[in-house]
Amino acid sequence: MKKDIILGGVGGQGILTIAALIATAALKKGLYIKQSEVHGMSQRGGDVQANLRISSKPVMSDLIPEGKADMIIAVEPLESLRYLNMLDKNNGWLITSSNPFNNIPDYPDIEEVYNEIRKIPRHVLIDANEIAKQAGSVKAANIVVLGASAPFIGIEYNYLEDAIKDIFSRKGEDIVEMNLKALKAGYDFARENK
């Protein structure tokens, strides 16, 4: 088993939480993992990117070569396009929220962004904000996106559930349950719309 994943979004959207959850799930499964992050202006509004490499064999480098990513997971649609050069064009998956974060004055027309995403043969474009709202809080949009990527990561779903329980347990049972609900809603959407 080997998965190379690029995570992208805007500061404050929970990209590093997604990385931590996938890494925790991978470790629970007994897999090797390497991760690198670019924080930059990530406090609020700047782009955030992480490389996540998961394997059943030791991983030597934390950086993914261009054109070799198995998956791009993004919490912002324009940010998902930023890393297309990294995606394996034949077999890679692009999983992204459809909800724009208009943090730049010349943000492109959102329909043009969606059209570019739809050109990727294997993609899931999900209204993560609306699904997260239905699950209990729009703050769980990143977990909805994680759920939408779950069928393609190569780690059994129950490991992701366990990672959520571990990471969010200190915030209380209500937060854990809301995040589990958001994960499942994203997972169900991806399975029905892939």
N, C-alpha and C. Protein backbone atom coordinates (compact mmCIF):
# COMPACT_ATOMS: atom_id res chain seq x y z
N MET A 1 0.85 -1.19 0.00
CA MET A 1 0.00 0.00 0.00
C MET A 1 0.89 1.24 0.00
N LYS A 2 0.56 2.20 -0.87
CA LYS A 2 1.27 3.47 -0.92
C LYS A 2 0.32 4.54 -1.41
N LYS A 3 0.23 5.64 -0.68
CA LYS A 3 -0.58 6.78 -1.10
C LYS A 3 0.21 8.06 -0.85
N ASP A 4 0.26 8.87 -1.88
CA ASP A 4 0.87 10.19 -1.79
C ASP A 4 -0.23 11.22 -1.93
N ILE A 5 -0.41 12.03 -0.90
CA ILE A 5 -1.55 12.95 -0.83
C ILE A 5 -1.06 14.38 -0.66
N ILE A 6 -1.61 15.28 -1.47
CA ILE A 6 -1.40 16.72 -1.31
C ILE A 6 -2.65 17.29 -0.65
N LEU A 7 -2.47 18.05 0.41
CA LEU A 7 -3.59 18.72 1.08
C LEU A 7 -3.44 20.21 0.84
N GLY A 8 -4.53 20.87 0.46
CA GLY A 8 -4.45 22.30 0.19
C GLY A 8 -5.67 23.05 0.69
N GLY A 9 -5.45 24.29 1.04
CA GLY A 9 -6.54 25.14 1.49
C GLY A 9 -6.02 26.49 1.90
N VAL A 10 -6.82 27.18 2.67
CA VAL A 10 -6.52 28.51 3.15
C VAL A 10 -6.38 28.42 4.67
N GLY A 11 -5.48 29.24 5.21
CA GLY A 11 -5.26 29.23 6.65
C GLY A 11 -6.55 29.35 7.44
N GLY A 12 -6.71 28.49 8.43
CA GLY A 12 -7.91 28.49 9.27
C GLY A 12 -8.98 27.52 8.83
N GLN A 13 -8.77 26.83 7.69
CA GLN A 13 -9.78 25.90 7.19
C GLN A 13 -9.60 24.48 7.70
N GLY A 14 -8.54 24.19 8.41
CA GLY A 14 -8.38 22.87 9.01
C GLY A 14 -7.62 21.86 8.18
N ILE A 15 -6.76 22.32 7.28
CA ILE A 15 -5.95 21.41 6.48
C ILE A 15 -5.02 20.58 7.36
N LEU A 16 -4.40 21.23 8.33
CA LEU A 16 -3.46 20.49 9.18
C LEU A 16 -4.18 19.52 10.10
N THR A 17 -5.44 19.80 10.41
CA THR A 17 -6.25 18.84 11.17
C THR A 17 -6.52 17.61 10.32
N ILE A 18 -6.85 17.81 9.04
CA ILE A 18 -7.04 16.67 8.14
C ILE A 18 -5.76 15.84 8.09
N ALA A 19 -4.62 16.50 7.95
CA ALA A 19 -3.34 15.78 7.89
C ALA A 19 -3.12 14.97 9.17
N ALA A 20 -3.40 15.57 10.32
CA ALA A 20 -3.22 14.87 11.59
C ALA A 20 -4.15 13.66 11.70
N LEU A 21 -5.38 13.81 11.23
CA LEU A 21 -6.34 12.70 11.30
C LEU A 21 -5.92 11.54 10.39
N ILE A 22 -5.51 11.86 9.17
CA ILE A 22 -5.07 10.79 8.26
C ILE A 22 -3.82 10.12 8.81
N ALA A 23 -2.88 10.92 9.32
CA ALA A 23 -1.65 10.36 9.88
C ALA A 23 -1.95 9.46 11.08
N THR A 24 -2.85 9.90 11.94
CA THR A 24 -3.23 9.09 13.11
C THR A 24 -3.87 7.78 12.67
N ALA A 25 -4.76 7.84 11.68
CA ALA A 25 -5.41 6.63 11.16
C ALA A 25 -4.38 5.69 10.56
N ALA A 26 -3.42 6.23 9.81
CA ALA A 26 -2.38 5.41 9.19
C ALA A 26 -1.53 4.72 10.25
N LEU A 27 -1.16 5.46 11.29
CA LEU A 27 -0.36 4.86 12.36
C LEU A 27 -1.13 3.77 13.09
N LYS A 28 -2.43 4.00 13.30
CA LYS A 28 -3.26 2.97 13.96
C LYS A 28 -3.29 1.69 13.13
N LYS A 29 -3.25 1.84 11.83
CA LYS A 29 -3.26 0.69 10.93
C LYS A 29 -1.88 0.04 10.83
N GLY A 30 -0.86 0.68 11.38
CA GLY A 30 0.49 0.13 11.34
C GLY A 30 1.27 0.52 10.10
N LEU A 31 0.88 1.61 9.45
CA LEU A 31 1.56 2.07 8.25
C LEU A 31 2.66 3.08 8.59
N TYR A 32 3.56 3.27 7.67
CA TYR A 32 4.59 4.29 7.78
C TYR A 32 4.04 5.59 7.21
N ILE A 33 4.53 6.70 7.75
CA ILE A 33 4.04 7.99 7.27
C ILE A 33 5.15 9.03 7.34
N LYS A 34 5.15 9.92 6.34
CA LYS A 34 6.00 11.12 6.34
C LYS A 34 5.09 12.29 5.97
N GLN A 35 5.35 13.43 6.60
CA GLN A 35 4.51 14.60 6.34
C GLN A 35 5.37 15.84 6.32
N SER A 36 5.06 16.75 5.41
CA SER A 36 5.67 18.08 5.43
C SER A 36 4.57 19.10 5.24
N GLU A 37 4.80 20.29 5.76
CA GLU A 37 3.77 21.33 5.71
C GLU A 37 4.39 22.65 5.31
N VAL A 38 3.61 23.47 4.63
CA VAL A 38 3.98 24.85 4.35
C VAL A 38 2.93 25.71 5.02
N HIS A 39 3.34 26.41 6.09
CA HIS A 39 2.40 27.23 6.85
C HIS A 39 2.30 28.63 6.29
N GLY A 40 3.41 29.24 5.95
CA GLY A 40 3.41 30.57 5.37
C GLY A 40 2.50 31.54 6.10
N MET A 41 1.58 32.11 5.39
CA MET A 41 0.62 33.07 5.94
C MET A 41 -0.63 32.35 6.41
N SER A 42 -0.46 31.22 7.04
CA SER A 42 -1.58 30.32 7.29
C SER A 42 -2.46 30.71 8.46
N GLN A 43 -2.14 31.75 9.20
CA GLN A 43 -2.98 32.10 10.34
C GLN A 43 -4.42 32.31 9.89
N ARG A 44 -4.62 33.11 8.88
CA ARG A 44 -5.95 33.33 8.29
C ARG A 44 -5.76 33.92 6.91
N GLY A 45 -6.27 33.25 5.91
CA GLY A 45 -6.31 33.83 4.59
C GLY A 45 -5.21 33.43 3.63
N GLY A 46 -4.07 32.97 4.12
CA GLY A 46 -2.99 32.56 3.22
C GLY A 46 -3.12 31.09 2.88
N ASP A 47 -2.43 30.66 1.82
CA ASP A 47 -2.55 29.26 1.42
C ASP A 47 -1.75 28.36 2.37
N VAL A 48 -2.27 27.16 2.55
CA VAL A 48 -1.65 26.13 3.39
C VAL A 48 -1.56 24.87 2.54
N GLN A 49 -0.42 24.22 2.61
CA GLN A 49 -0.23 23.00 1.83
C GLN A 49 0.54 21.99 2.66
N ALA A 50 0.19 20.72 2.51
CA ALA A 50 0.91 19.65 3.19
C ALA A 50 1.08 18.48 2.23
N ASN A 51 2.22 17.83 2.33
CA ASN A 51 2.47 16.56 1.65
C ASN A 51 2.34 15.46 2.69
N LEU A 52 1.62 14.43 2.34
CA LEU A 52 1.40 13.30 3.24
C LEU A 52 1.69 12.03 2.46
N ARG A 53 2.68 11.28 2.92
CA ARG A 53 3.06 10.04 2.23
C ARG A 53 2.84 8.88 3.18
N ILE A 54 2.02 7.94 2.75
CA ILE A 54 1.64 6.79 3.56
C ILE A 54 2.04 5.53 2.81
N SER A 55 2.61 4.55 3.53
CA SER A 55 3.04 3.33 2.87
C SER A 55 3.14 2.17 3.86
N SER A 56 3.03 0.97 3.32
CA SER A 56 3.26 -0.22 4.14
C SER A 56 4.77 -0.50 4.28
N LYS A 57 5.58 0.23 3.52
CA LYS A 57 7.05 0.14 3.61
C LYS A 57 7.59 1.48 4.08
N PRO A 58 8.79 1.51 4.64
CA PRO A 58 9.35 2.79 5.08
C PRO A 58 9.36 3.83 3.96
N VAL A 59 9.07 5.08 4.33
CA VAL A 59 9.03 6.20 3.39
C VAL A 59 10.29 7.01 3.60
N MET A 60 11.03 7.24 2.52
CA MET A 60 12.33 7.91 2.65
C MET A 60 12.23 9.43 2.59
N SER A 61 11.30 9.96 1.83
CA SER A 61 11.20 11.41 1.66
C SER A 61 9.79 11.87 1.98
N ASP A 62 9.67 13.08 2.51
CA ASP A 62 8.34 13.60 2.81
C ASP A 62 7.77 14.42 1.65
N LEU A 63 8.54 14.61 0.58
CA LEU A 63 8.07 15.40 -0.55
C LEU A 63 7.62 14.51 -1.70
N ILE A 64 6.51 14.86 -2.29
CA ILE A 64 5.92 14.11 -3.39
C ILE A 64 6.45 14.68 -4.71
N PRO A 65 6.97 13.84 -5.59
CA PRO A 65 7.44 14.34 -6.88
C PRO A 65 6.28 14.85 -7.75
N GLU A 66 6.57 15.79 -8.61
CA GLU A 66 5.58 16.34 -9.52
C GLU A 66 4.96 15.23 -10.38
N GLY A 67 3.64 15.26 -10.48
CA GLY A 67 2.91 14.28 -11.29
C GLY A 67 2.72 12.93 -10.63
N LYS A 68 3.08 12.79 -9.36
CA LYS A 68 3.02 11.49 -8.69
C LYS A 68 2.01 11.41 -7.55
N ALA A 69 1.31 12.49 -7.25
CA ALA A 69 0.33 12.46 -6.15
C ALA A 69 -0.86 11.59 -6.54
N ASP A 70 -1.24 10.73 -5.63
CA ASP A 70 -2.42 9.89 -5.83
C ASP A 70 -3.70 10.66 -5.58
N MET A 71 -3.58 11.74 -4.81
CA MET A 71 -4.78 12.47 -4.41
C MET A 71 -4.44 13.89 -4.02
N ILE A 72 -5.35 14.80 -4.37
CA ILE A 72 -5.34 16.15 -3.84
C ILE A 72 -6.61 16.28 -3.02
N ILE A 73 -6.46 16.66 -1.77
CA ILE A 73 -7.60 16.92 -0.89
C ILE A 73 -7.56 18.41 -0.58
N ALA A 74 -8.62 19.14 -0.95
CA ALA A 74 -8.63 20.58 -0.75
C ALA A 74 -9.93 21.03 -0.10
N VAL A 75 -9.82 22.04 0.73
CA VAL A 75 -11.00 22.60 1.40
C VAL A 75 -11.41 23.91 0.72
N GLU A 76 -10.78 24.21 -0.41
CA GLU A 76 -11.10 25.43 -1.16
C GLU A 76 -10.88 25.11 -2.64
N PRO A 77 -11.87 25.39 -3.51
CA PRO A 77 -11.76 24.93 -4.90
C PRO A 77 -10.61 25.53 -5.70
N LEU A 78 -10.33 26.81 -5.56
CA LEU A 78 -9.22 27.39 -6.32
C LEU A 78 -7.89 26.81 -5.83
N GLU A 79 -7.77 26.58 -4.53
CA GLU A 79 -6.55 25.98 -3.98
C GLU A 79 -6.35 24.57 -4.52
N SER A 80 -7.43 23.86 -4.83
CA SER A 80 -7.28 22.51 -5.39
C SER A 80 -6.58 22.56 -6.74
N LEU A 81 -6.84 23.62 -7.50
CA LEU A 81 -6.23 23.76 -8.83
C LEU A 81 -4.76 24.14 -8.75
N ARG A 82 -4.37 24.76 -7.66
CA ARG A 82 -2.97 25.19 -7.48
C ARG A 82 -2.01 24.01 -7.58
N TYR A 83 -2.44 22.82 -7.22
CA TYR A 83 -1.56 21.66 -7.13
C TYR A 83 -1.79 20.61 -8.21
N LEU A 84 -2.52 20.97 -9.26
CA LEU A 84 -2.82 19.99 -10.32
C LEU A 84 -1.57 19.41 -10.97
N ASN A 85 -0.50 20.20 -11.04
CA ASN A 85 0.74 19.68 -11.63
C ASN A 85 1.32 18.52 -10.80
N MET A 86 0.89 18.40 -9.57
CA MET A 86 1.39 17.34 -8.70
C MET A 86 0.61 16.03 -8.87
N LEU A 87 -0.60 16.12 -9.43
CA LEU A 87 -1.50 14.96 -9.49
C LEU A 87 -1.11 14.00 -10.61
N ASP A 88 -1.20 12.71 -10.31
CA ASP A 88 -1.07 11.66 -11.33
C ASP A 88 -2.28 11.81 -12.26
N LYS A 89 -2.05 12.28 -13.47
CA LYS A 89 -3.14 12.63 -14.39
C LYS A 89 -3.99 11.42 -14.78
N ASN A 90 -3.42 10.22 -14.74
CA ASN A 90 -4.15 9.02 -15.16
C ASN A 90 -4.98 8.39 -14.05
N ASN A 91 -4.46 8.41 -12.84
CA ASN A 91 -5.10 7.66 -11.77
C ASN A 91 -5.42 8.48 -10.53
N GLY A 92 -5.02 9.74 -10.49
CA GLY A 92 -5.19 10.55 -9.28
C GLY A 92 -6.61 11.04 -9.07
N TRP A 93 -6.95 11.25 -7.81
CA TRP A 93 -8.24 11.79 -7.40
C TRP A 93 -8.09 13.22 -6.90
N LEU A 94 -9.03 14.07 -7.28
CA LEU A 94 -9.13 15.42 -6.75
C LEU A 94 -10.42 15.50 -5.94
N ILE A 95 -10.28 15.73 -4.65
CA ILE A 95 -11.42 15.86 -3.74
C ILE A 95 -11.40 17.28 -3.21
N THR A 96 -12.48 18.04 -3.44
CA THR A 96 -12.48 19.42 -2.98
C THR A 96 -13.86 19.92 -2.60
N SER A 97 -13.85 20.82 -1.66
CA SER A 97 -15.06 21.57 -1.31
C SER A 97 -15.38 22.49 -2.48
N SER A 98 -16.66 22.74 -2.69
CA SER A 98 -17.09 23.68 -3.73
C SER A 98 -17.19 25.11 -3.19
N ASN A 99 -16.93 25.29 -1.92
CA ASN A 99 -17.13 26.58 -1.26
C ASN A 99 -15.90 27.47 -1.38
N PRO A 100 -16.00 28.59 -2.12
CA PRO A 100 -14.84 29.46 -2.28
C PRO A 100 -14.56 30.28 -1.02
N PHE A 101 -13.30 30.58 -0.84
CA PHE A 101 -12.85 31.49 0.21
C PHE A 101 -12.28 32.69 -0.53
N ASN A 102 -13.10 33.70 -0.74
CA ASN A 102 -12.70 34.85 -1.56
C ASN A 102 -11.75 35.75 -0.79
N ASN A 103 -10.49 35.36 -0.77
CA ASN A 103 -9.48 36.09 -0.01
C ASN A 103 -8.55 36.94 -0.88
N ILE A 104 -8.85 36.97 -2.19
CA ILE A 104 -8.04 37.77 -3.10
C ILE A 104 -8.97 38.64 -3.95
N PRO A 105 -8.52 39.83 -4.34
CA PRO A 105 -9.41 40.74 -5.06
C PRO A 105 -9.79 40.26 -6.45
N ASP A 106 -8.96 39.46 -7.09
CA ASP A 106 -9.26 39.00 -8.45
C ASP A 106 -9.60 37.51 -8.49
N TYR A 107 -10.35 37.06 -7.49
CA TYR A 107 -10.77 35.66 -7.45
C TYR A 107 -11.54 35.36 -8.74
N PRO A 108 -11.19 34.28 -9.45
CA PRO A 108 -11.85 34.00 -10.72
C PRO A 108 -13.34 33.65 -10.55
N ASP A 109 -14.06 33.72 -11.64
CA ASP A 109 -15.46 33.32 -11.63
C ASP A 109 -15.54 31.87 -11.15
N ILE A 110 -16.39 31.62 -10.16
CA ILE A 110 -16.43 30.30 -9.53
C ILE A 110 -16.84 29.20 -10.50
N GLU A 111 -17.69 29.52 -11.47
CA GLU A 111 -18.09 28.51 -12.46
C GLU A 111 -16.88 28.09 -13.31
N GLU A 112 -15.98 29.02 -13.60
CA GLU A 112 -14.76 28.67 -14.34
C GLU A 112 -13.89 27.73 -13.51
N VAL A 113 -13.83 27.98 -12.22
CA VAL A 113 -13.06 27.11 -11.32
C VAL A 113 -13.68 25.71 -11.32
N TYR A 114 -15.01 25.64 -11.18
CA TYR A 114 -15.69 24.34 -11.20
C TYR A 114 -15.45 23.60 -12.51
N ASN A 115 -15.48 24.33 -13.62
CA ASN A 115 -15.27 23.70 -14.93
C ASN A 115 -13.88 23.08 -15.02
N GLU A 116 -12.88 23.76 -14.46
CA GLU A 116 -11.52 23.20 -14.45
C GLU A 116 -11.46 21.93 -13.59
N ILE A 117 -12.14 21.96 -12.47
CA ILE A 117 -12.17 20.78 -11.59
C ILE A 117 -12.85 19.61 -12.30
N ARG A 118 -13.93 19.90 -12.99
CA ARG A 118 -14.69 18.84 -13.68
C ARG A 118 -13.91 18.21 -14.83
N LYS A 119 -12.85 18.86 -15.29
CA LYS A 119 -12.01 18.28 -16.34
C LYS A 119 -11.17 17.12 -15.82
N ILE A 120 -11.00 17.04 -14.51
CA ILE A 120 -10.23 15.95 -13.91
C ILE A 120 -11.12 14.71 -13.92
N PRO A 121 -10.68 13.63 -14.58
CA PRO A 121 -11.56 12.46 -14.71
C PRO A 121 -12.04 11.90 -13.37
N ARG A 122 -11.19 11.91 -12.36
CA ARG A 122 -11.55 11.38 -11.04
C ARG A 122 -11.61 12.54 -10.06
N HIS A 123 -12.80 13.03 -9.81
CA HIS A 123 -12.95 14.16 -8.90
C HIS A 123 -14.24 14.03 -8.09
N VAL A 124 -14.23 14.64 -6.93
CA VAL A 124 -15.42 14.80 -6.10
C VAL A 124 -15.46 16.28 -5.72
N LEU A 125 -16.53 16.95 -6.11
CA LEU A 125 -16.76 18.36 -5.80
C LEU A 125 -17.96 18.39 -4.86
N ILE A 126 -17.73 18.81 -3.62
CA ILE A 126 -18.74 18.66 -2.56
C ILE A 126 -19.01 19.99 -1.87
N ASP A 127 -20.28 20.27 -1.62
CA ASP A 127 -20.67 21.46 -0.87
C ASP A 127 -20.46 21.15 0.62
N ALA A 128 -19.21 21.24 1.03
CA ALA A 128 -18.82 20.84 2.39
C ALA A 128 -19.47 21.72 3.45
N ASN A 129 -19.63 23.01 3.17
CA ASN A 129 -20.23 23.90 4.17
C ASN A 129 -21.67 23.50 4.48
N GLU A 130 -22.45 23.25 3.45
CA GLU A 130 -23.86 22.88 3.66
C GLU A 130 -23.98 21.54 4.38
N ILE A 131 -23.18 20.57 3.97
CA ILE A 131 -23.23 19.25 4.60
C ILE A 131 -22.76 19.34 6.05
N ALA A 132 -21.73 20.14 6.30
CA ALA A 132 -21.25 20.32 7.68
C ALA A 132 -22.31 21.00 8.54
N LYS A 133 -22.99 21.98 7.97
CA LYS A 133 -24.07 22.66 8.70
C LYS A 133 -25.15 21.65 9.12
N GLN A 134 -25.49 20.76 8.20
CA GLN A 134 -26.49 19.73 8.51
C GLN A 134 -25.98 18.76 9.57
N ALA A 135 -24.66 18.57 9.63
CA ALA A 135 -24.07 17.67 10.62
C ALA A 135 -23.94 18.33 11.98
N GLY A 136 -24.09 19.66 12.04
CA GLY A 136 -24.04 20.32 13.34
C GLY A 136 -23.26 21.61 13.39
N SER A 137 -22.29 21.80 12.47
CA SER A 137 -21.51 23.04 12.48
C SER A 137 -20.73 23.18 11.18
N VAL A 138 -20.78 24.37 10.60
CA VAL A 138 -20.01 24.64 9.38
C VAL A 138 -18.51 24.51 9.65
N LYS A 139 -18.10 24.59 10.92
CA LYS A 139 -16.69 24.42 11.27
C LYS A 139 -16.17 23.02 10.95
N ALA A 140 -17.08 22.07 10.72
CA ALA A 140 -16.69 20.70 10.40
C ALA A 140 -16.59 20.46 8.89
N ALA A 141 -16.54 21.54 8.09
CA ALA A 141 -16.45 21.39 6.63
C ALA A 141 -15.20 20.61 6.24
N ASN A 142 -14.09 20.83 6.94
CA ASN A 142 -12.87 20.08 6.63
C ASN A 142 -13.06 18.58 6.87
N ILE A 143 -13.84 18.23 7.87
CA ILE A 143 -14.08 16.81 8.17
C ILE A 143 -14.99 16.20 7.11
N VAL A 144 -15.92 16.99 6.58
CA VAL A 144 -16.76 16.52 5.46
C VAL A 144 -15.86 16.20 4.26
N VAL A 145 -14.91 17.08 3.96
CA VAL A 145 -13.98 16.84 2.86
C VAL A 145 -13.14 15.60 3.12
N LEU A 146 -12.68 15.43 4.36
CA LEU A 146 -11.95 14.21 4.71
C LEU A 146 -12.82 12.99 4.47
N GLY A 147 -14.08 13.05 4.88
CA GLY A 147 -15.00 11.93 4.64
C GLY A 147 -15.16 11.64 3.16
N ALA A 148 -15.22 12.69 2.33
CA ALA A 148 -15.36 12.51 0.89
C ALA A 148 -14.12 11.87 0.27
N SER A 149 -12.98 12.04 0.92
CA SER A 149 -11.74 11.42 0.41
C SER A 149 -11.56 10.00 0.94
N ALA A 150 -12.27 9.65 1.99
CA ALA A 150 -12.07 8.36 2.67
C ALA A 150 -12.17 7.14 1.76
N PRO A 151 -13.10 7.09 0.79
CA PRO A 151 -13.16 5.89 -0.06
C PRO A 151 -11.92 5.67 -0.92
N PHE A 152 -11.06 6.69 -1.05
CA PHE A 152 -9.94 6.62 -1.98
C PHE A 152 -8.57 6.63 -1.29
N ILE A 153 -8.54 6.80 0.02
CA ILE A 153 -7.27 6.92 0.75
C ILE A 153 -6.55 5.58 0.88
N GLY A 154 -7.31 4.50 1.02
CA GLY A 154 -6.69 3.19 1.20
C GLY A 154 -6.53 2.79 2.66
N ILE A 155 -7.21 3.51 3.53
CA ILE A 155 -7.23 3.19 4.96
C ILE A 155 -8.70 2.93 5.33
N GLU A 156 -8.95 1.84 5.99
CA GLU A 156 -10.32 1.51 6.34
C GLU A 156 -10.96 2.64 7.14
N TYR A 157 -12.24 2.83 6.88
CA TYR A 157 -13.01 3.93 7.45
C TYR A 157 -12.96 3.95 8.97
N ASN A 158 -13.00 2.79 9.61
CA ASN A 158 -13.01 2.74 11.07
C ASN A 158 -11.75 3.35 11.69
N TYR A 159 -10.62 3.31 10.98
CA TYR A 159 -9.40 3.95 11.48
C TYR A 159 -9.55 5.47 11.50
N LEU A 160 -10.24 6.02 10.52
CA LEU A 160 -10.50 7.46 10.51
C LEU A 160 -11.44 7.83 11.65
N GLU A 161 -12.46 7.01 11.89
CA GLU A 161 -13.35 7.25 13.03
C GLU A 161 -12.57 7.24 14.34
N ASP A 162 -11.69 6.25 14.50
CA ASP A 162 -10.88 6.17 15.72
C ASP A 162 -9.98 7.38 15.88
N ALA A 163 -9.42 7.87 14.76
CA ALA A 163 -8.56 9.06 14.80
C ALA A 163 -9.35 10.28 15.27
N ILE A 164 -10.58 10.42 14.79
CA ILE A 164 -11.44 11.53 15.24
C ILE A 164 -11.70 11.42 16.74
N LYS A 165 -11.99 10.23 17.21
CA LYS A 165 -12.24 10.04 18.65
C LYS A 165 -11.00 10.42 19.46
N ASP A 166 -9.83 10.01 18.99
CA ASP A 166 -8.59 10.32 19.70
C ASP A 166 -8.30 11.82 19.73
N ILE A 167 -8.37 12.45 18.57
CA ILE A 167 -7.95 13.84 18.46
C ILE A 167 -8.96 14.81 19.07
N PHE A 168 -10.25 14.51 18.93
CA PHE A 168 -11.27 15.45 19.43
C PHE A 168 -11.82 15.10 20.81
N SER A 169 -11.38 14.01 21.41
CA SER A 169 -11.97 13.57 22.68
C SER A 169 -11.84 14.62 23.78
N ARG A 170 -10.74 15.36 23.80
CA ARG A 170 -10.56 16.38 24.85
C ARG A 170 -11.54 17.54 24.71
N LYS A 171 -12.21 17.64 23.56
CA LYS A 171 -13.19 18.72 23.35
C LYS A 171 -14.60 18.30 23.74
N GLY A 172 -14.76 17.04 24.14
CA GLY A 172 -16.06 16.58 24.60
C GLY A 172 -16.77 15.69 23.60
N GLU A 173 -17.69 14.90 24.14
CA GLU A 173 -18.41 13.91 23.34
C GLU A 173 -19.26 14.54 22.23
N ASP A 174 -19.84 15.70 22.48
CA ASP A 174 -20.66 16.36 21.45
C ASP A 174 -19.82 16.72 20.22
N ILE A 175 -18.61 17.20 20.43
CA ILE A 175 -17.73 17.57 19.32
C ILE A 175 -17.30 16.31 18.57
N VAL A 176 -16.99 15.25 19.30
CA VAL A 176 -16.62 13.99 18.67
C VAL A 176 -17.77 13.50 17.79
N GLU A 177 -18.97 13.48 18.34
CA GLU A 177 -20.14 12.98 17.58
C GLU A 177 -20.43 13.84 16.36
N MET A 178 -20.32 15.16 16.49
CA MET A 178 -20.56 16.04 15.35
C MET A 178 -19.54 15.76 14.25
N ASN A 179 -18.29 15.58 14.60
CA ASN A 179 -17.25 15.30 13.61
C ASN A 179 -17.43 13.92 12.98
N LEU A 180 -17.85 12.94 13.75
CA LEU A 180 -18.14 11.62 13.18
C LEU A 180 -19.31 11.70 12.19
N LYS A 181 -20.30 12.50 12.53
CA LYS A 181 -21.45 12.69 11.64
C LYS A 181 -21.01 13.39 10.34
N ALA A 182 -20.14 14.40 10.46
CA ALA A 182 -19.62 15.11 9.29
C ALA A 182 -18.78 14.17 8.41
N LEU A 183 -17.94 13.35 9.04
CA LEU A 183 -17.13 12.38 8.30
C LEU A 183 -18.01 11.44 7.50
N LYS A 184 -19.04 10.91 8.16
CA LYS A 184 -19.94 9.94 7.50
C LYS A 184 -20.71 10.60 6.36
N ALA A 185 -21.16 11.84 6.55
CA ALA A 185 -21.91 12.54 5.51
C ALA A 185 -21.03 12.76 4.26
N GLY A 186 -19.77 13.15 4.46
CA GLY A 186 -18.86 13.30 3.33
C GLY A 186 -18.57 11.97 2.65
N TYR A 187 -18.38 10.95 3.45
CA TYR A 187 -18.12 9.60 2.93
C TYR A 187 -19.29 9.11 2.08
N ASP A 188 -20.50 9.26 2.60
CA ASP A 188 -21.69 8.83 1.85
C ASP A 188 -21.83 9.60 0.55
N PHE A 189 -21.58 10.91 0.58
CA PHE A 189 -21.67 11.72 -0.63
C PHE A 189 -20.71 11.21 -1.69
N ALA A 190 -19.46 10.97 -1.31
CA ALA A 190 -18.46 10.53 -2.28
C ALA A 190 -18.82 9.16 -2.85
N ARG A 191 -19.31 8.27 -2.04
CA ARG A 191 -19.66 6.93 -2.53
C ARG A 191 -20.82 6.98 -3.51
N GLU A 192 -21.72 7.94 -3.31
CA GLU A 192 -22.88 8.08 -4.19
C GLU A 192 -22.57 8.90 -5.44
N ASN A 193 -21.53 9.73 -5.41
CA ASN A 193 -21.28 10.67 -6.50
C ASN A 193 -19.92 10.53 -7.17
N LYS A 194 -19.26 9.40 -7.02
CA LYS A 194 -17.93 9.27 -7.63
C LYS A 194 -18.03 8.90 -9.10
